[in-house]
Amino acid sequence: MEESRRAAEVLGKGFVHLDLLGFSDGSIYSALVSHWRRNNPMRSEFTGFDHVPYREAKDRGFAQDGQDLLNELVAILQDTKPTIIAFPDVMENDSDHAGLGMFTLLAVHKWLLQNPVHRAQPKLLAYLIHWQHGWPTGSNWGMPQDWSDQPLLLPADLPLRGHSRACVNLSSVQINLKRAALAEYKTQQRIMGDFLSAFVRSSECFTLLKPEDGNRIEQVLAHWRQVRKTFDNHPLSRRKI
């Protein structure tokens, strides 16, 4: 959390407001598909807690369940009324990231339903961090490299799903700022410096979603829950694997 604060200071030069939520690592996907209610929170294998234990977290003491996390995100949207929302792509090859992407779509959908008056629709930018086949190049080379003269393109095998994409070119000042912000994650740099350096490039790319893309998101979530229930009842459950 402290590294995130320092990185935000570097990026925003004091003008970034940062609220940190404290759901445990590995809990987001489970909260989405199998621990939705407060009477059945997700107990972290890492911390042993079924609630947010961190003193620094905005949601300290909250049960680690899907409904509470969704309510937190909707409250943030209500307070800030954002015009741009960036969040992980639901295609992420990381369960927490993919789960948070789904939670974001659910929150945006619920927020807009609660505010039906005509307003400027927010831009939804889905970004990608974890993918397959060693994307981006250099992310698994074992040694950090300088890729800042090359663009960061989304992988060719990432499904388009009927959406459009956009890339933003970065200036040398912005590239150096990004490098400096990532350097603040000192614990991460020690174990994945090559991975982090692979994202310091001359562009940023996003998949562009529209607010109405979330109109059927609750049906999608219901399907995910049913699939997870069937999977967990199978002799080869996730835990046994």
Protein backbone atom coordinates (compact mmCIF):
# COMPACT_ATOMS: atom_id res chain seq x y z
CA MET A 1 0.00 0.00 0.00
CA GLU A 2 2.83 2.39 0.84
CA GLU A 3 4.52 1.64 -2.50
CA SER A 4 1.24 2.43 -4.29
CA ARG A 5 1.03 5.75 -2.49
CA ARG A 6 4.58 6.69 -3.45
CA ALA A 7 3.95 5.66 -7.08
CA ALA A 8 0.79 7.81 -7.17
CA GLU A 9 2.79 10.75 -5.79
CA VAL A 10 5.32 10.34 -8.59
CA LEU A 11 2.64 10.11 -11.29
CA GLY A 12 0.33 12.81 -9.99
CA LYS A 13 2.82 15.18 -8.35
CA GLY A 14 0.45 15.51 -5.40
CA PHE A 15 -2.75 15.88 -7.46
CA VAL A 16 -3.85 12.23 -7.40
CA HIS A 17 -6.44 11.24 -4.78
CA LEU A 18 -5.84 7.61 -3.88
CA ASP A 19 -8.29 5.41 -1.98
CA LEU A 20 -6.92 1.93 -1.26
CA LEU A 21 -9.31 -0.96 -0.69
CA GLY A 22 -7.98 -3.95 1.20
CA PHE A 23 -9.51 -7.17 -0.12
CA SER A 24 -6.88 -9.90 0.19
CA ASP A 25 -4.74 -11.16 -2.66
CA GLY A 26 -6.58 -14.04 -4.30
CA SER A 27 -10.00 -13.08 -2.91
CA ILE A 28 -11.54 -11.06 -5.76
CA TYR A 29 -12.52 -13.90 -8.09
CA SER A 30 -13.83 -16.00 -5.19
CA ALA A 31 -15.91 -13.06 -3.94
CA LEU A 32 -17.38 -12.79 -7.43
CA VAL A 33 -18.41 -16.38 -8.02
CA SER A 34 -18.64 -18.22 -4.68
CA HIS A 35 -18.57 -15.78 -1.74
CA TRP A 36 -21.15 -13.17 -2.69
CA ARG A 37 -23.04 -12.71 0.60
CA ARG A 38 -21.85 -11.21 3.88
CA ASN A 39 -22.83 -14.38 5.74
CA ASN A 40 -20.37 -16.33 3.56
CA PRO A 41 -17.25 -14.16 3.20
CA MET A 42 -14.04 -15.40 1.64
CA ARG A 43 -11.34 -16.30 4.19
CA SER A 44 -7.90 -15.56 2.81
CA GLU A 45 -5.37 -18.36 2.66
CA PHE A 46 -2.64 -15.73 3.05
CA THR A 47 -3.90 -13.62 5.96
CA GLY A 48 -6.38 -15.97 7.63
CA PHE A 49 -8.96 -13.16 7.78
CA ASP A 50 -12.45 -13.12 6.28
CA HIS A 51 -12.57 -9.32 6.49
CA VAL A 52 -10.26 -6.47 5.51
CA PRO A 53 -7.63 -6.34 8.26
CA TYR A 54 -5.39 -3.50 7.07
CA ARG A 55 -5.38 -0.34 9.16
CA GLU A 56 -4.48 1.75 6.11
CA ALA A 57 -7.36 0.47 3.96
CA LYS A 58 -10.43 2.62 3.41
CA ASP A 59 -12.66 -0.42 3.92
CA ARG A 60 -11.02 -1.82 7.06
CA GLY A 61 -13.34 -4.30 8.79
CA PHE A 62 -15.52 -4.94 5.73
CA ALA A 63 -16.43 -8.58 5.10
CA GLN A 64 -14.66 -10.03 2.06
CA ASP A 65 -17.77 -10.77 0.03
CA GLY A 66 -18.86 -9.79 -3.44
CA GLN A 67 -21.85 -7.67 -2.50
CA ASP A 68 -19.83 -5.47 -0.14
CA LEU A 69 -17.08 -4.95 -2.71
CA LEU A 70 -19.66 -4.06 -5.36
CA ASN A 71 -21.29 -1.57 -3.00
CA GLU A 72 -17.90 0.02 -2.32
CA LEU A 73 -17.21 0.50 -6.01
CA VAL A 74 -20.68 1.92 -6.69
CA ALA A 75 -20.20 4.39 -3.81
CA ILE A 76 -16.92 5.56 -5.35
CA LEU A 77 -18.66 6.10 -8.69
CA GLN A 78 -21.46 8.02 -6.97
CA ASP A 79 -18.97 10.26 -5.17
CA THR A 80 -16.61 10.96 -8.06
CA LYS A 81 -18.92 10.75 -11.12
CA PRO A 82 -15.97 9.81 -13.35
CA THR A 83 -15.78 10.56 -17.06
CA ILE A 84 -13.02 7.98 -17.66
CA ILE A 85 -12.76 4.59 -15.92
CA ALA A 86 -9.73 2.34 -16.44
CA PHE A 87 -9.88 -1.25 -15.21
CA PRO A 88 -8.45 -4.73 -15.93
CA ASP A 89 -9.73 -6.58 -18.97
CA VAL A 90 -11.99 -9.49 -18.04
CA MET A 91 -9.82 -11.60 -20.39
CA GLU A 92 -6.86 -11.18 -18.03
CA ASN A 93 -4.81 -14.32 -17.40
CA ASP A 94 -5.02 -13.58 -13.68
CA SER A 95 -8.10 -14.45 -11.66
CA ASP A 96 -8.04 -11.39 -9.39
CA HIS A 97 -7.55 -9.01 -12.32
CA ALA A 98 -10.29 -10.66 -14.39
CA GLY A 99 -12.60 -10.65 -11.37
CA LEU A 100 -11.97 -6.96 -10.71
CA GLY A 101 -12.76 -6.23 -14.36
CA MET A 102 -16.11 -7.97 -13.94
CA PHE A 103 -16.78 -6.14 -10.66
CA THR A 104 -16.08 -2.83 -12.43
CA LEU A 105 -18.59 -3.59 -15.19
CA LEU A 106 -21.17 -4.61 -12.58
CA ALA A 107 -20.55 -1.40 -10.62
CA VAL A 108 -20.80 0.85 -13.68
CA HIS A 109 -24.01 -0.89 -14.75
CA LYS A 110 -25.57 -0.49 -11.28
CA TRP A 111 -24.40 3.12 -10.96
CA LEU A 112 -25.94 4.12 -14.29
CA LEU A 113 -29.20 2.34 -13.42
CA GLN A 114 -29.38 4.36 -10.21
CA ASN A 115 -28.78 7.58 -12.14
CA PRO A 116 -31.02 7.37 -15.21
CA VAL A 117 -30.90 11.11 -15.91
CA HIS A 118 -29.06 12.02 -19.07
CA ARG A 119 -25.40 12.60 -18.41
CA ALA A 120 -22.15 12.26 -20.32
CA GLN A 121 -21.45 8.53 -20.51
CA PRO A 122 -18.04 7.58 -19.07
CA LYS A 123 -15.33 6.19 -21.30
CA LEU A 124 -14.40 2.65 -20.28
CA LEU A 125 -10.77 1.66 -20.89
CA ALA A 126 -9.84 -1.99 -20.32
CA TYR A 127 -6.12 -2.61 -19.94
CA LEU A 128 -4.14 -5.85 -20.00
CA ILE A 129 -1.32 -6.91 -17.68
CA HIS A 130 -1.17 -10.72 -17.71
CA TRP A 131 -1.44 -12.73 -20.89
CA GLN A 132 0.09 -15.86 -22.40
CA HIS A 133 3.05 -16.69 -24.67
CA GLY A 134 5.47 -14.33 -22.93
CA TRP A 135 3.56 -11.13 -23.66
CA PRO A 136 4.85 -8.50 -23.67
CA THR A 137 8.24 -9.35 -25.13
CA GLY A 138 10.91 -9.34 -22.45
CA SER A 139 8.51 -9.87 -19.54
CA ASN A 140 10.02 -13.28 -18.73
CA TRP A 141 13.65 -12.78 -19.75
CA GLY A 142 14.98 -12.81 -16.20
CA MET A 143 16.72 -9.44 -16.51
CA PRO A 144 15.13 -5.98 -16.89
CA GLN A 145 15.63 -4.46 -20.34
CA ASP A 146 14.99 -1.02 -21.83
CA TRP A 147 12.01 -1.22 -24.19
CA SER A 148 11.10 2.46 -24.05
CA ASP A 149 11.71 3.04 -27.79
CA GLN A 150 9.14 0.38 -28.75
CA PRO A 151 5.33 0.55 -28.57
CA LEU A 152 3.29 -1.60 -26.21
CA LEU A 153 0.79 -3.30 -28.51
CA LEU A 154 -2.01 -5.54 -27.31
CA PRO A 155 -1.41 -9.22 -28.19
CA ALA A 156 -2.66 -10.39 -31.57
CA ASP A 157 -4.53 -13.33 -30.00
CA LEU A 158 -6.49 -11.17 -27.54
CA PRO A 159 -10.13 -11.52 -28.72
CA LEU A 160 -11.59 -8.25 -29.97
CA ARG A 161 -15.14 -9.25 -28.88
CA GLY A 162 -16.77 -6.61 -31.05
CA HIS A 163 -14.99 -3.74 -29.29
CA SER A 164 -12.59 -1.16 -30.66
CA ARG A 165 -9.09 -0.36 -29.43
CA ALA A 166 -7.01 2.76 -29.02
CA CYS A 167 -3.39 3.53 -28.23
CA VAL A 168 -1.91 6.66 -26.68
CA ASN A 169 1.63 7.68 -27.62
CA LEU A 170 3.76 8.75 -24.66
CA SER A 171 6.32 11.53 -24.62
CA SER A 172 9.82 10.92 -23.28
CA VAL A 173 8.81 12.81 -20.11
CA GLN A 174 5.78 10.54 -19.60
CA ILE A 175 7.86 7.42 -20.25
CA ASN A 176 10.40 8.47 -17.63
CA LEU A 177 7.59 9.29 -15.22
CA LYS A 178 6.14 5.81 -15.67
CA ARG A 179 9.56 4.24 -15.13
CA ALA A 180 10.03 6.27 -11.94
CA ALA A 181 6.57 5.29 -10.63
CA LEU A 182 7.21 1.59 -11.24
CA ALA A 183 10.56 1.91 -9.48
CA GLU A 184 8.65 2.72 -6.28
CA TYR A 185 7.36 -0.87 -6.20
CA LYS A 186 10.62 -2.05 -4.69
CA THR A 187 9.31 -5.38 -3.39
CA GLN A 188 7.89 -6.16 -6.84
CA GLN A 189 11.07 -5.05 -8.59
CA ARG A 190 13.07 -7.62 -6.66
CA ILE A 191 11.00 -10.54 -7.95
CA MET A 192 9.68 -9.34 -11.33
CA GLY A 193 11.86 -6.50 -12.52
CA ASP A 194 11.93 -7.93 -16.04
CA PHE A 195 8.12 -8.04 -16.13
CA LEU A 196 7.68 -4.44 -14.96
CA SER A 197 10.33 -3.04 -17.30
CA ALA A 198 8.57 -4.67 -20.28
CA PHE A 199 5.66 -2.24 -19.77
CA VAL A 200 7.78 0.92 -19.93
CA ARG A 201 7.24 1.62 -23.62
CA SER A 202 6.34 4.42 -25.98
CA SER A 203 2.57 3.81 -25.93
CA GLU A 204 -0.35 2.58 -23.85
CA CYS A 205 -3.15 0.55 -25.48
CA PHE A 206 -6.69 -0.14 -24.31
CA THR A 207 -9.82 -1.98 -25.39
CA LEU A 208 -12.66 0.55 -25.51
CA LEU A 209 -15.97 -0.51 -24.00
CA LYS A 210 -19.28 1.33 -23.91
CA PRO A 211 -21.47 1.66 -20.80
CA GLU A 212 -24.21 -0.33 -22.52
CA ASP A 213 -21.81 -3.26 -22.85
CA GLY A 214 -22.65 -3.97 -19.20
CA ASN A 215 -26.38 -4.35 -19.81
CA ARG A 216 -26.24 -8.16 -19.69
CA ILE A 217 -23.42 -8.38 -17.19
CA GLU A 218 -25.61 -9.80 -14.42
CA GLN A 219 -26.63 -12.72 -16.65
CA VAL A 220 -22.97 -13.34 -17.44
CA LEU A 221 -22.17 -13.37 -13.73
CA ALA A 222 -24.99 -15.83 -13.02
CA HIS A 223 -23.56 -18.13 -15.68
CA TRP A 224 -20.07 -17.87 -14.17
CA ARG A 225 -21.45 -18.80 -10.74
CA GLN A 226 -23.21 -21.85 -12.14
CA VAL A 227 -20.06 -22.99 -13.92
CA ARG A 228 -18.03 -22.48 -10.73
CA LYS A 229 -20.59 -24.42 -8.67
CA THR A 230 -20.43 -27.33 -11.09
CA PHE A 231 -16.64 -27.17 -11.12
CA ASP A 232 -16.34 -27.14 -7.33
CA ASN A 233 -18.65 -30.16 -7.04
CA HIS A 234 -16.50 -32.12 -9.50
CA PRO A 235 -14.08 -34.65 -7.96
CA LEU A 236 -11.19 -32.65 -9.47
CA SER A 237 -11.98 -29.42 -7.69
CA ARG A 238 -9.77 -26.33 -7.90
CA ARG A 239 -8.44 -27.00 -4.39
CA LYS A 240 -7.54 -30.64 -5.18
CA ILE A 241 -5.79 -29.62 -8.40
